[in-house]
Amino acid sequence: MTSAVLALAWGCLAATPCAWAARSQAAKVRVTGLGRVIGERRPARVILPVRIRRIRDAWFARRVANRERATVISELSITIDLLAVAVGAGYTPYLAVEVAARWAPPVLGRVLENVAGACRLGADFDRALDDMARAHGELRGLGDALLATDRLGAPVLDSLQRLAVSARADVRRRAEARARTVPVRLLFPLVFLVLPAFGLLTVVPAIAARLGG
């Protein structure tokens, strides 16, 4: 009996380190699994706002670009007229750009000032006009007309006048296109605001009076 008790005690004593090792190993496994789960869930929490932010930034950038493009198109005819007046007064294309930059509308005034500033810093007039046309595709025709005059000495006044007429026609077409979209945009307030209000003010009181009677 005594030997059995001693054997049982020695067995428990020998098994104690193994039990502690198994317990610590199980805790490590649980912590590792929890870290893996957190690691798998964390990208979903982080990536989703990043994607939403990217979509929002792209939408705002596209909206700003479209607004700037529309502004350039609306200011183009006035700027071309200023350039035509300067060229008709005897200015070279470069000097005409400098003069027009002072009196042009804000957006195109900055664009022409950038061209003149690049030339003052040592850039070629051709290169500055090419950069302008790459940055603003709507100004490609204007840049080509000024380049033809600067390189070949071709008369630019007639080209500028044709460009001004085309720019005014483009502005008119855009205004007509926007006017055609007005009825479609009015459908939302008509369907969701005007008609429900009309129903609440006319139909609902009549139904309530009939039910009350």
N, C-alpha and C. Protein backbone atom coordinates (compact mmCIF):
# COMPACT_ATOMS: atom_id res chain seq x y z
N MET A 1 0.84 -1.21 0.00
CA MET A 1 0.00 0.00 0.00
C MET A 1 0.87 1.24 0.00
N THR A 2 1.91 1.20 0.82
CA THR A 2 2.79 2.36 0.88
C THR A 2 3.52 2.56 -0.43
N SER A 3 3.94 1.45 -1.05
CA SER A 3 4.64 1.56 -2.34
C SER A 3 3.72 2.11 -3.42
N ALA A 4 2.44 1.76 -3.40
CA ALA A 4 1.50 2.28 -4.39
C ALA A 4 1.30 3.77 -4.24
N VAL A 5 1.21 4.22 -2.98
CA VAL A 5 1.04 5.66 -2.73
C VAL A 5 2.27 6.42 -3.19
N LEU A 6 3.46 5.87 -2.88
CA LEU A 6 4.68 6.54 -3.31
C LEU A 6 4.80 6.57 -4.83
N ALA A 7 4.40 5.51 -5.48
CA ALA A 7 4.43 5.48 -6.95
C ALA A 7 3.47 6.51 -7.55
N LEU A 8 2.27 6.61 -6.94
CA LEU A 8 1.30 7.60 -7.43
C LEU A 8 1.82 9.01 -7.22
N ALA A 9 2.47 9.26 -6.05
CA ALA A 9 2.99 10.61 -5.78
C ALA A 9 4.11 10.96 -6.75
N TRP A 10 5.03 9.98 -6.96
CA TRP A 10 6.10 10.24 -7.92
C TRP A 10 5.55 10.44 -9.34
N GLY A 11 4.52 9.71 -9.70
CA GLY A 11 3.92 9.89 -11.03
C GLY A 11 3.32 11.28 -11.20
N CYS A 12 2.60 11.75 -10.14
CA CYS A 12 2.02 13.11 -10.22
C CYS A 12 3.11 14.16 -10.28
N LEU A 13 4.19 13.95 -9.50
CA LEU A 13 5.28 14.90 -9.51
C LEU A 13 5.98 14.96 -10.87
N ALA A 14 6.12 13.78 -11.48
CA ALA A 14 6.77 13.75 -12.79
C ALA A 14 5.86 14.32 -13.89
N ALA A 15 4.54 14.20 -13.74
CA ALA A 15 3.61 14.68 -14.77
C ALA A 15 3.33 16.17 -14.68
N THR A 16 3.68 16.77 -13.52
CA THR A 16 3.40 18.20 -13.36
C THR A 16 4.10 19.08 -14.40
N PRO A 17 5.41 18.92 -14.69
CA PRO A 17 6.03 19.74 -15.75
C PRO A 17 5.39 19.55 -17.12
N CYS A 18 5.01 18.31 -17.42
CA CYS A 18 4.35 18.08 -18.72
C CYS A 18 3.01 18.79 -18.80
N ALA A 19 2.27 18.80 -17.67
CA ALA A 19 0.97 19.49 -17.66
C ALA A 19 1.14 20.99 -17.84
N TRP A 20 2.15 21.56 -17.15
CA TRP A 20 2.40 23.00 -17.30
C TRP A 20 2.83 23.34 -18.74
N ALA A 21 3.67 22.46 -19.32
CA ALA A 21 4.11 22.69 -20.70
C ALA A 21 2.93 22.64 -21.67
N ALA A 22 2.04 21.64 -21.46
CA ALA A 22 0.86 21.53 -22.33
C ALA A 22 -0.05 22.73 -22.18
N ARG A 23 -0.19 23.21 -20.94
CA ARG A 23 -1.06 24.37 -20.71
C ARG A 23 -0.51 25.63 -21.37
N SER A 24 0.81 25.84 -21.21
CA SER A 24 1.41 27.01 -21.86
C SER A 24 1.38 26.91 -23.37
N GLN A 25 1.56 25.68 -23.89
CA GLN A 25 1.48 25.50 -25.34
C GLN A 25 0.08 25.78 -25.85
N ALA A 26 -0.94 25.34 -25.11
CA ALA A 26 -2.31 25.62 -25.52
C ALA A 26 -2.59 27.12 -25.51
N ALA A 27 -2.05 27.81 -24.49
CA ALA A 27 -2.24 29.27 -24.45
C ALA A 27 -1.57 29.94 -25.64
N LYS A 28 -0.36 29.47 -25.97
CA LYS A 28 0.33 30.04 -27.15
C LYS A 28 -0.46 29.79 -28.43
N VAL A 29 -1.03 28.59 -28.56
CA VAL A 29 -1.82 28.28 -29.75
C VAL A 29 -3.03 29.18 -29.84
N ARG A 30 -3.70 29.41 -28.66
CA ARG A 30 -4.87 30.28 -28.67
C ARG A 30 -4.49 31.72 -29.03
N VAL A 31 -3.38 32.20 -28.45
CA VAL A 31 -2.94 33.57 -28.75
C VAL A 31 -2.56 33.70 -30.21
N THR A 32 -1.86 32.68 -30.75
CA THR A 32 -1.48 32.72 -32.17
C THR A 32 -2.70 32.72 -33.07
N GLY A 33 -3.67 31.89 -32.72
CA GLY A 33 -4.90 31.86 -33.52
C GLY A 33 -5.65 33.16 -33.45
N LEU A 34 -5.71 33.76 -32.24
CA LEU A 34 -6.38 35.05 -32.11
C LEU A 34 -5.66 36.12 -32.91
N GLY A 35 -4.30 36.11 -32.87
CA GLY A 35 -3.55 37.08 -33.66
C GLY A 35 -3.77 36.88 -35.14
N ARG A 36 -3.87 35.61 -35.56
CA ARG A 36 -4.12 35.36 -36.98
C ARG A 36 -5.49 35.86 -37.39
N VAL A 37 -6.49 35.64 -36.53
CA VAL A 37 -7.84 36.13 -36.84
C VAL A 37 -7.87 37.65 -36.90
N ILE A 38 -7.19 38.29 -35.91
CA ILE A 38 -7.14 39.76 -35.91
C ILE A 38 -6.40 40.27 -37.13
N GLY A 39 -5.29 39.56 -37.47
CA GLY A 39 -4.53 39.96 -38.66
C GLY A 39 -5.33 39.82 -39.93
N GLU A 40 -6.21 38.78 -39.97
CA GLU A 40 -7.03 38.60 -41.16
C GLU A 40 -8.15 39.63 -41.22
N ARG A 41 -8.65 40.04 -40.04
CA ARG A 41 -9.75 41.00 -40.04
C ARG A 41 -9.28 42.44 -40.17
N ARG A 42 -8.07 42.72 -39.73
CA ARG A 42 -7.60 44.10 -39.72
C ARG A 42 -7.51 44.71 -41.11
N PRO A 43 -6.98 43.99 -42.15
CA PRO A 43 -6.94 44.62 -43.48
C PRO A 43 -8.31 45.02 -43.99
N ALA A 44 -9.36 44.23 -43.65
CA ALA A 44 -10.69 44.59 -44.11
C ALA A 44 -11.14 45.91 -43.50
N ARG A 45 -10.77 46.14 -42.21
CA ARG A 45 -11.16 47.38 -41.56
C ARG A 45 -10.35 48.57 -42.08
N VAL A 46 -9.11 48.30 -42.50
CA VAL A 46 -8.25 49.40 -42.94
C VAL A 46 -8.43 49.68 -44.43
N ILE A 47 -8.54 48.61 -45.24
CA ILE A 47 -8.60 48.77 -46.69
C ILE A 47 -9.91 49.41 -47.12
N LEU A 48 -10.99 49.08 -46.43
CA LEU A 48 -12.28 49.62 -46.85
C LEU A 48 -12.32 51.15 -46.81
N PRO A 49 -11.91 51.81 -45.72
CA PRO A 49 -11.87 53.27 -45.75
C PRO A 49 -10.91 53.82 -46.80
N VAL A 50 -9.78 53.13 -47.02
CA VAL A 50 -8.83 53.59 -48.03
C VAL A 50 -9.47 53.56 -49.40
N ARG A 51 -10.18 52.49 -49.71
CA ARG A 51 -10.84 52.39 -51.01
C ARG A 51 -11.91 53.47 -51.16
N ILE A 52 -12.68 53.67 -50.09
CA ILE A 52 -13.70 54.72 -50.16
C ILE A 52 -13.07 56.08 -50.36
N ARG A 53 -11.94 56.32 -49.67
CA ARG A 53 -11.25 57.60 -49.82
C ARG A 53 -10.70 57.77 -51.23
N ARG A 54 -10.19 56.70 -51.81
CA ARG A 54 -9.69 56.79 -53.18
C ARG A 54 -10.82 57.08 -54.17
N ILE A 55 -11.95 56.40 -53.98
CA ILE A 55 -13.09 56.66 -54.86
C ILE A 55 -13.57 58.10 -54.71
N ARG A 56 -13.62 58.57 -53.46
CA ARG A 56 -14.04 59.95 -53.23
C ARG A 56 -13.07 60.94 -53.86
N ASP A 57 -11.75 60.70 -53.69
CA ASP A 57 -10.76 61.61 -54.27
C ASP A 57 -10.82 61.60 -55.79
N ALA A 58 -11.00 60.40 -56.37
CA ALA A 58 -11.10 60.33 -57.83
C ALA A 58 -12.34 61.06 -58.34
N TRP A 59 -13.45 60.93 -57.59
CA TRP A 59 -14.68 61.61 -58.01
C TRP A 59 -14.51 63.12 -57.93
N PHE A 60 -13.91 63.61 -56.84
CA PHE A 60 -13.69 65.04 -56.71
C PHE A 60 -12.71 65.55 -57.76
N ALA A 61 -11.65 64.78 -58.02
CA ALA A 61 -10.67 65.20 -59.04
C ALA A 61 -11.32 65.27 -60.42
N ARG A 62 -12.16 64.28 -60.73
CA ARG A 62 -12.84 64.30 -62.03
C ARG A 62 -13.81 65.47 -62.11
N ARG A 63 -14.48 65.75 -61.02
CA ARG A 63 -15.42 66.88 -61.03
C ARG A 63 -14.69 68.21 -61.18
N VAL A 64 -13.56 68.36 -60.49
CA VAL A 64 -12.77 69.59 -60.62
C VAL A 64 -12.23 69.73 -62.03
N ALA A 65 -11.77 68.61 -62.62
CA ALA A 65 -11.25 68.66 -63.99
C ALA A 65 -12.34 69.04 -64.98
N ASN A 66 -13.53 68.48 -64.82
CA ASN A 66 -14.64 68.84 -65.72
C ASN A 66 -15.04 70.30 -65.57
N ARG A 67 -15.02 70.77 -64.32
CA ARG A 67 -15.37 72.18 -64.10
C ARG A 67 -14.32 73.11 -64.72
N GLU A 68 -13.06 72.75 -64.57
CA GLU A 68 -12.00 73.58 -65.15
C GLU A 68 -12.06 73.54 -66.67
N ARG A 69 -12.36 72.37 -67.23
CA ARG A 69 -12.49 72.26 -68.68
C ARG A 69 -13.63 73.13 -69.20
N ALA A 70 -14.77 73.10 -68.50
CA ALA A 70 -15.89 73.94 -68.91
C ALA A 70 -15.53 75.43 -68.80
N THR A 71 -14.78 75.79 -67.77
CA THR A 71 -14.36 77.20 -67.63
C THR A 71 -13.42 77.61 -68.75
N VAL A 72 -12.49 76.73 -69.11
CA VAL A 72 -11.57 77.04 -70.21
C VAL A 72 -12.33 77.24 -71.51
N ILE A 73 -13.30 76.38 -71.76
CA ILE A 73 -14.08 76.50 -72.99
C ILE A 73 -14.89 77.79 -73.00
N SER A 74 -15.46 78.17 -71.86
CA SER A 74 -16.25 79.39 -71.81
C SER A 74 -15.39 80.65 -71.96
N GLU A 75 -14.13 80.59 -71.52
CA GLU A 75 -13.25 81.76 -71.61
C GLU A 75 -12.43 81.81 -72.89
N LEU A 76 -12.52 80.76 -73.70
CA LEU A 76 -11.63 80.66 -74.85
C LEU A 76 -11.89 81.73 -75.90
N SER A 77 -13.15 82.00 -76.20
CA SER A 77 -13.46 82.96 -77.27
C SER A 77 -12.95 84.36 -76.91
N ILE A 78 -13.12 84.79 -75.64
CA ILE A 78 -12.64 86.11 -75.23
C ILE A 78 -11.11 86.18 -75.32
N THR A 79 -10.44 85.11 -74.89
CA THR A 79 -8.98 85.09 -74.95
C THR A 79 -8.48 85.14 -76.38
N ILE A 80 -9.13 84.42 -77.27
CA ILE A 80 -8.73 84.44 -78.68
C ILE A 80 -8.94 85.83 -79.27
N ASP A 81 -10.03 86.48 -78.89
CA ASP A 81 -10.25 87.85 -79.37
C ASP A 81 -9.14 88.79 -78.90
N LEU A 82 -8.70 88.64 -77.64
CA LEU A 82 -7.60 89.46 -77.14
C LEU A 82 -6.31 89.20 -77.92
N LEU A 83 -6.02 87.95 -78.20
CA LEU A 83 -4.84 87.62 -78.98
C LEU A 83 -4.94 88.19 -80.40
N ALA A 84 -6.13 88.12 -80.97
CA ALA A 84 -6.31 88.66 -82.32
C ALA A 84 -6.11 90.17 -82.34
N VAL A 85 -6.59 90.86 -81.31
CA VAL A 85 -6.39 92.31 -81.25
C VAL A 85 -4.90 92.63 -81.13
N ALA A 86 -4.19 91.86 -80.27
CA ALA A 86 -2.76 92.12 -80.10
C ALA A 86 -1.98 91.83 -81.38
N VAL A 87 -2.32 90.73 -82.05
CA VAL A 87 -1.63 90.41 -83.31
C VAL A 87 -1.96 91.45 -84.38
N GLY A 88 -3.21 91.87 -84.43
CA GLY A 88 -3.60 92.90 -85.40
C GLY A 88 -2.91 94.23 -85.14
N ALA A 89 -2.51 94.48 -83.90
CA ALA A 89 -1.78 95.72 -83.57
C ALA A 89 -0.29 95.62 -83.89
N GLY A 90 0.17 94.47 -84.37
CA GLY A 90 1.56 94.33 -84.76
C GLY A 90 2.44 93.57 -83.79
N TYR A 91 1.88 92.99 -82.75
CA TYR A 91 2.67 92.22 -81.80
C TYR A 91 3.03 90.85 -82.38
N THR A 92 4.17 90.34 -81.99
CA THR A 92 4.54 88.96 -82.32
C THR A 92 3.69 88.01 -81.47
N PRO A 93 3.63 86.72 -81.85
CA PRO A 93 2.82 85.79 -81.05
C PRO A 93 3.22 85.76 -79.57
N TYR A 94 4.52 85.79 -79.28
CA TYR A 94 4.95 85.76 -77.89
C TYR A 94 4.49 87.02 -77.15
N LEU A 95 4.69 88.19 -77.75
CA LEU A 95 4.25 89.43 -77.10
C LEU A 95 2.73 89.48 -76.99
N ALA A 96 2.04 88.91 -77.98
CA ALA A 96 0.57 88.85 -77.91
C ALA A 96 0.12 88.00 -76.73
N VAL A 97 0.85 86.91 -76.48
CA VAL A 97 0.52 86.07 -75.32
C VAL A 97 0.75 86.83 -74.02
N GLU A 98 1.84 87.57 -73.94
CA GLU A 98 2.11 88.37 -72.74
C GLU A 98 1.02 89.40 -72.49
N VAL A 99 0.61 90.10 -73.56
CA VAL A 99 -0.43 91.12 -73.42
C VAL A 99 -1.76 90.49 -73.04
N ALA A 100 -2.13 89.40 -73.72
CA ALA A 100 -3.42 88.76 -73.45
C ALA A 100 -3.47 88.17 -72.05
N ALA A 101 -2.32 87.75 -71.51
CA ALA A 101 -2.30 87.18 -70.16
C ALA A 101 -2.72 88.21 -69.11
N ARG A 102 -2.51 89.50 -69.39
CA ARG A 102 -2.88 90.53 -68.42
C ARG A 102 -4.38 90.80 -68.39
N TRP A 103 -5.05 90.62 -69.54
CA TRP A 103 -6.44 91.02 -69.66
C TRP A 103 -7.39 89.84 -69.87
N ALA A 104 -6.85 88.65 -69.99
CA ALA A 104 -7.71 87.48 -70.22
C ALA A 104 -8.48 87.12 -68.95
N PRO A 105 -9.54 86.33 -69.06
CA PRO A 105 -10.25 85.83 -67.88
C PRO A 105 -9.32 85.02 -66.98
N PRO A 106 -9.75 84.79 -65.73
CA PRO A 106 -8.80 84.27 -64.72
C PRO A 106 -8.07 82.98 -65.10
N VAL A 107 -8.82 81.95 -65.51
CA VAL A 107 -8.18 80.65 -65.75
C VAL A 107 -7.22 80.71 -66.93
N LEU A 108 -7.70 81.20 -68.06
CA LEU A 108 -6.82 81.28 -69.23
C LEU A 108 -5.75 82.36 -69.06
N GLY A 109 -6.02 83.36 -68.24
CA GLY A 109 -4.97 84.33 -67.93
C GLY A 109 -3.80 83.66 -67.23
N ARG A 110 -4.10 82.74 -66.29
CA ARG A 110 -3.02 82.01 -65.62
C ARG A 110 -2.30 81.08 -66.59
N VAL A 111 -3.04 80.47 -67.49
CA VAL A 111 -2.42 79.57 -68.47
C VAL A 111 -1.45 80.33 -69.36
N LEU A 112 -1.89 81.46 -69.89
CA LEU A 112 -1.00 82.26 -70.75
C LEU A 112 0.16 82.84 -69.96
N GLU A 113 -0.06 83.18 -68.71
CA GLU A 113 1.03 83.68 -67.88
C GLU A 113 2.07 82.59 -67.63
N ASN A 114 1.61 81.35 -67.50
CA ASN A 114 2.55 80.24 -67.35
C ASN A 114 3.40 80.07 -68.61
N VAL A 115 2.78 80.25 -69.77
CA VAL A 115 3.55 80.17 -71.02
C VAL A 115 4.60 81.27 -71.07
N ALA A 116 4.19 82.50 -70.80
CA ALA A 116 5.13 83.61 -70.81
C ALA A 116 6.21 83.45 -69.75
N GLY A 117 5.83 82.96 -68.55
CA GLY A 117 6.81 82.76 -67.49
C GLY A 117 7.83 81.69 -67.85
N ALA A 118 7.37 80.61 -68.50
CA ALA A 118 8.31 79.58 -68.93
C ALA A 118 9.30 80.13 -69.96
N CYS A 119 8.82 80.97 -70.85
CA CYS A 119 9.72 81.57 -71.84
C CYS A 119 10.71 82.53 -71.17
N ARG A 120 10.26 83.26 -70.17
CA ARG A 120 11.19 84.15 -69.46
C ARG A 120 12.27 83.39 -68.71
N LEU A 121 11.96 82.15 -68.32
CA LEU A 121 12.94 81.33 -67.61
C LEU A 121 13.88 80.58 -68.55
N GLY A 122 13.69 80.76 -69.86
CA GLY A 122 14.61 80.15 -70.81
C GLY A 122 14.02 79.08 -71.69
N ALA A 123 12.75 78.71 -71.51
CA ALA A 123 12.14 77.68 -72.35
C ALA A 123 11.80 78.24 -73.72
N ASP A 124 11.79 77.37 -74.71
CA ASP A 124 11.39 77.78 -76.05
C ASP A 124 9.90 78.06 -76.09
N PHE A 125 9.52 79.02 -76.94
CA PHE A 125 8.11 79.35 -77.09
C PHE A 125 7.34 78.15 -77.62
N ASP A 126 7.96 77.39 -78.53
CA ASP A 126 7.29 76.20 -79.07
C ASP A 126 7.04 75.18 -77.97
N ARG A 127 8.05 74.96 -77.13
CA ARG A 127 7.90 73.99 -76.04
C ARG A 127 6.85 74.44 -75.04
N ALA A 128 6.82 75.71 -74.72
CA ALA A 128 5.82 76.22 -73.78
C ALA A 128 4.41 76.04 -74.33
N LEU A 129 4.22 76.29 -75.62
CA LEU A 129 2.90 76.10 -76.22
C LEU A 129 2.52 74.62 -76.28
N ASP A 130 3.51 73.76 -76.54
CA ASP A 130 3.22 72.32 -76.52
C ASP A 130 2.79 71.85 -75.13
N ASP A 131 3.47 72.35 -74.10
CA ASP A 131 3.08 72.00 -72.73
C ASP A 131 1.68 72.50 -72.42
N MET A 132 1.36 73.70 -72.89
CA MET A 132 0.02 74.24 -72.67
C MET A 132 -1.03 73.35 -73.34
N ALA A 133 -0.76 72.92 -74.57
CA ALA A 133 -1.72 72.09 -75.29
C ALA A 133 -1.87 70.71 -74.65
N ARG A 134 -0.77 70.17 -74.11
CA ARG A 134 -0.88 68.87 -73.42
C ARG A 134 -1.66 68.99 -72.12
N ALA A 135 -1.49 70.08 -71.41
CA ALA A 135 -2.22 70.26 -70.16
C ALA A 135 -3.69 70.56 -70.38
N HIS A 136 -4.00 71.25 -71.45
CA HIS A 136 -5.38 71.63 -71.77
C HIS A 136 -5.63 71.30 -73.23
N GLY A 137 -6.29 70.17 -73.46
CA GLY A 137 -6.54 69.75 -74.83
C GLY A 137 -7.41 70.71 -75.61
N GLU A 138 -8.23 71.51 -74.91
CA GLU A 138 -9.09 72.46 -75.62
C GLU A 138 -8.29 73.58 -76.28
N LEU A 139 -7.03 73.77 -75.86
CA LEU A 139 -6.20 74.84 -76.41
C LEU A 139 -5.26 74.35 -77.50
N ARG A 140 -5.48 73.12 -77.98
CA ARG A 140 -4.60 72.58 -79.02
C ARG A 140 -4.66 73.41 -80.29
N GLY A 141 -5.86 73.80 -80.72
CA GLY A 141 -5.99 74.60 -81.95
C GLY A 141 -5.31 75.95 -81.81
N LEU A 142 -5.48 76.59 -80.66
CA LEU A 142 -4.84 77.88 -80.43
C LEU A 142 -3.32 77.74 -80.44
N GLY A 143 -2.80 76.72 -79.78
CA GLY A 143 -1.36 76.51 -79.78
C GLY A 143 -0.81 76.23 -81.16
N ASP A 144 -1.54 75.43 -81.97
CA ASP A 144 -1.08 75.14 -83.33
C ASP A 144 -1.06 76.41 -84.19
N ALA A 145 -2.07 77.27 -84.02
CA ALA A 145 -2.10 78.51 -84.82
C ALA A 145 -0.93 79.41 -84.46
N LEU A 146 -0.65 79.56 -83.16
CA LEU A 146 0.48 80.40 -82.75
C LEU A 146 1.81 79.78 -83.15
N LEU A 147 1.92 78.46 -83.11
CA LEU A 147 3.15 77.80 -83.52
C LEU A 147 3.39 77.96 -85.02
N ALA A 148 2.32 77.85 -85.82
CA ALA A 148 2.47 78.02 -87.28
C ALA A 148 2.97 79.42 -87.60
N THR A 149 2.48 80.40 -86.88
CA THR A 149 2.94 81.77 -87.11
C THR A 149 4.39 81.95 -86.66
N ASP A 150 4.73 81.38 -85.52
CA ASP A 150 6.08 81.56 -85.00
C ASP A 150 7.11 80.81 -85.82
N ARG A 151 6.76 79.63 -86.32
CA ARG A 151 7.73 78.82 -87.06
C ARG A 151 7.78 79.18 -88.53
N LEU A 152 6.61 79.35 -89.14
CA LEU A 152 6.54 79.52 -90.60
C LEU A 152 6.23 80.94 -91.02
N GLY A 153 5.86 81.78 -90.08
CA GLY A 153 5.48 83.15 -90.46
C GLY A 153 4.13 83.24 -91.12
N ALA A 154 3.29 82.22 -90.95
CA ALA A 154 1.96 82.23 -91.57
C ALA A 154 1.08 83.26 -90.87
N PRO A 155 0.17 83.89 -91.61
CA PRO A 155 -0.74 84.86 -90.97
C PRO A 155 -1.66 84.17 -89.98
N VAL A 156 -1.73 84.72 -88.79
CA VAL A 156 -2.47 84.07 -87.72
C VAL A 156 -3.81 84.74 -87.45
N LEU A 157 -4.03 85.92 -87.97
CA LEU A 157 -5.24 86.66 -87.62
C LEU A 157 -6.49 85.93 -88.10
N ASP A 158 -6.46 85.45 -89.35
CA ASP A 158 -7.62 84.71 -89.86
C ASP A 158 -7.86 83.43 -89.07
N SER A 159 -6.77 82.75 -88.72
CA SER A 159 -6.92 81.51 -87.93
C SER A 159 -7.52 81.80 -86.57
N LEU A 160 -7.09 82.89 -85.95
CA LEU A 160 -7.65 83.24 -84.64
C LEU A 160 -9.13 83.60 -84.74
N GLN A 161 -9.49 84.28 -85.79
CA GLN A 161 -10.91 84.63 -85.96
C GLN A 161 -11.76 83.39 -86.16
N ARG A 162 -11.26 82.43 -86.94
CA ARG A 162 -12.01 81.18 -87.11
C ARG A 162 -12.10 80.40 -85.81
N LEU A 163 -11.02 80.40 -85.05
CA LEU A 163 -11.05 79.72 -83.76
C LEU A 163 -12.04 80.38 -82.80
N ALA A 164 -12.12 81.71 -82.83
CA ALA A 164 -13.06 82.41 -81.97
C ALA A 164 -14.50 82.06 -82.33
N VAL A 165 -14.80 82.01 -83.62
CA VAL A 165 -16.15 81.64 -84.07
C VAL A 165 -16.48 80.21 -83.64
N SER A 166 -15.51 79.30 -83.80
CA SER A 166 -15.74 77.92 -83.39
C SER A 166 -15.93 77.80 -81.88
N ALA A 167 -15.17 78.58 -81.11
CA ALA A 167 -15.31 78.54 -79.65
C ALA A 167 -16.67 79.04 -79.22
N ARG A 168 -17.17 80.11 -79.84
CA ARG A 168 -18.50 80.61 -79.49
C ARG A 168 -19.58 79.59 -79.84
N ALA A 169 -19.42 78.93 -80.98
CA ALA A 169 -20.39 77.90 -81.36
C ALA A 169 -20.37 76.73 -80.37
N ASP A 170 -19.18 76.37 -79.90
CA ASP A 170 -19.08 75.29 -78.92
C ASP A 170 -19.75 75.66 -77.61
N VAL A 171 -19.54 76.90 -77.17
CA VAL A 171 -20.20 77.37 -75.95
C VAL A 171 -21.72 77.35 -76.11
N ARG A 172 -22.20 77.76 -77.27
CA ARG A 172 -23.64 77.77 -77.52
C ARG A 172 -24.20 76.34 -77.51
N ARG A 173 -23.49 75.40 -78.12
CA ARG A 173 -23.95 74.01 -78.13
C ARG A 173 -23.99 73.44 -76.72
N ARG A 174 -23.01 73.76 -75.92
CA ARG A 174 -23.00 73.26 -74.55
C ARG A 174 -24.15 73.85 -73.74
N ALA A 175 -24.42 75.13 -73.94
CA ALA A 175 -25.54 75.75 -73.23
C ALA A 175 -26.87 75.11 -73.64
N GLU A 176 -27.03 74.82 -74.92
CA GLU A 176 -28.25 74.16 -75.38
C GLU A 176 -28.36 72.74 -74.82
N ALA A 177 -27.23 72.04 -74.73
CA ALA A 177 -27.26 70.68 -74.16
C ALA A 177 -27.65 70.72 -72.69
N ARG A 178 -27.11 71.70 -71.94
CA ARG A 178 -27.50 71.82 -70.53
C ARG A 178 -28.97 72.19 -70.40
N ALA A 179 -29.47 73.02 -71.29
CA ALA A 179 -30.88 73.40 -71.23
C ALA A 179 -31.78 72.20 -71.49
N ARG A 180 -31.34 71.27 -72.33
CA ARG A 180 -32.16 70.09 -72.61
C ARG A 180 -32.20 69.13 -71.42
N THR A 181 -31.22 69.21 -70.55
CA THR A 181 -31.22 68.33 -69.37
C THR A 181 -32.03 68.87 -68.20
N VAL A 182 -32.52 70.10 -68.30
CA VAL A 182 -33.28 70.69 -67.19
C VAL A 182 -34.56 69.92 -66.90
N PRO A 183 -35.39 69.54 -67.90
CA PRO A 183 -36.60 68.78 -67.57
C PRO A 183 -36.30 67.46 -66.86
N VAL A 184 -35.22 66.80 -67.25
CA VAL A 184 -34.87 65.54 -66.59
C VAL A 184 -34.49 65.78 -65.14
N ARG A 185 -33.73 66.84 -64.88
CA ARG A 185 -33.33 67.12 -63.50
C ARG A 185 -34.51 67.60 -62.65
N LEU A 186 -35.54 68.15 -63.29
CA LEU A 186 -36.72 68.58 -62.53
C LEU A 186 -37.64 67.43 -62.14
N LEU A 187 -37.40 66.24 -62.70
CA LEU A 187 -38.26 65.11 -62.37
C LEU A 187 -38.11 64.71 -60.90
N PHE A 188 -36.92 64.79 -60.37
CA PHE A 188 -36.72 64.38 -58.97
C PHE A 188 -37.54 65.22 -57.99
N PRO A 189 -37.42 66.55 -58.01
CA PRO A 189 -38.27 67.32 -57.07
C PRO A 189 -39.75 67.19 -57.38
N LEU A 190 -40.09 67.00 -58.67
CA LEU A 190 -41.51 66.87 -59.01
C LEU A 190 -42.09 65.59 -58.43
N VAL A 191 -41.37 64.47 -58.58
CA VAL A 191 -41.90 63.18 -58.15
C VAL A 191 -41.83 63.01 -56.64
N PHE A 192 -40.73 63.45 -56.02
CA PHE A 192 -40.51 63.16 -54.61
C PHE A 192 -40.89 64.31 -53.68
N LEU A 193 -41.15 65.51 -54.21
CA LEU A 193 -41.49 66.63 -53.34
C LEU A 193 -42.84 67.24 -53.69
N VAL A 194 -43.04 67.60 -54.95
CA VAL A 194 -44.26 68.32 -55.33
C VAL A 194 -45.48 67.41 -55.26
N LEU A 195 -45.40 66.24 -55.89
CA LEU A 195 -46.56 65.34 -55.90
C LEU A 195 -46.94 64.84 -54.50
N PRO A 196 -46.00 64.43 -53.65
CA PRO A 196 -46.41 64.07 -52.27
C PRO A 196 -47.04 65.23 -51.51
N ALA A 197 -46.50 66.44 -51.68
CA ALA A 197 -47.09 67.59 -51.00
C ALA A 197 -48.49 67.87 -51.52
N PHE A 198 -48.69 67.74 -52.83
CA PHE A 198 -50.03 67.92 -53.40
C PHE A 198 -51.01 66.89 -52.85
N GLY A 199 -50.52 65.64 -52.72
CA GLY A 199 -51.39 64.61 -52.17
C GLY A 199 -51.75 64.87 -50.72
N LEU A 200 -50.77 65.33 -49.93
CA LEU A 200 -51.05 65.62 -48.52
C LEU A 200 -52.01 66.78 -48.35
N LEU A 201 -51.96 67.76 -49.24
CA LEU A 201 -52.80 68.95 -49.09
C LEU A 201 -54.20 68.79 -49.68
N THR A 202 -54.37 67.89 -50.62
CA THR A 202 -55.66 67.78 -51.31
C THR A 202 -56.34 66.43 -51.08
N VAL A 203 -55.63 65.37 -51.35
CA VAL A 203 -56.26 64.04 -51.30
C VAL A 203 -56.48 63.58 -49.86
N VAL A 204 -55.45 63.72 -49.03
CA VAL A 204 -55.56 63.23 -47.65
C VAL A 204 -56.67 63.92 -46.86
N PRO A 205 -56.83 65.27 -46.91
CA PRO A 205 -57.97 65.87 -46.19
C PRO A 205 -59.33 65.40 -46.69
N ALA A 206 -59.46 65.18 -48.01
CA ALA A 206 -60.74 64.70 -48.53
C ALA A 206 -61.03 63.29 -48.01
N ILE A 207 -60.02 62.44 -48.00
CA ILE A 207 -60.24 61.08 -47.50
C ILE A 207 -60.55 61.10 -46.00
N ALA A 208 -59.84 61.94 -45.25
CA ALA A 208 -60.10 62.04 -43.82
C ALA A 208 -61.50 62.55 -43.53
N ALA A 209 -61.96 63.56 -44.32
CA ALA A 209 -63.32 64.07 -44.12
C ALA A 209 -64.36 63.01 -44.46
N ARG A 210 -64.13 62.24 -45.51
CA ARG A 210 -65.10 61.21 -45.88
C ARG A 210 -65.16 60.12 -44.80
N LEU A 211 -63.99 59.71 -44.30
CA LEU A 211 -63.99 58.71 -43.25
C LEU A 211 -64.63 59.22 -41.97
N GLY A 212 -64.38 60.52 -41.65
CA GLY A 212 -64.98 61.09 -40.45
C GLY A 212 -66.49 61.21 -40.59
N GLY A 213 -67.01 61.51 -41.79
CA GLY A 213 -68.43 61.60 -41.98
C GLY A 213 -69.09 60.25 -41.93
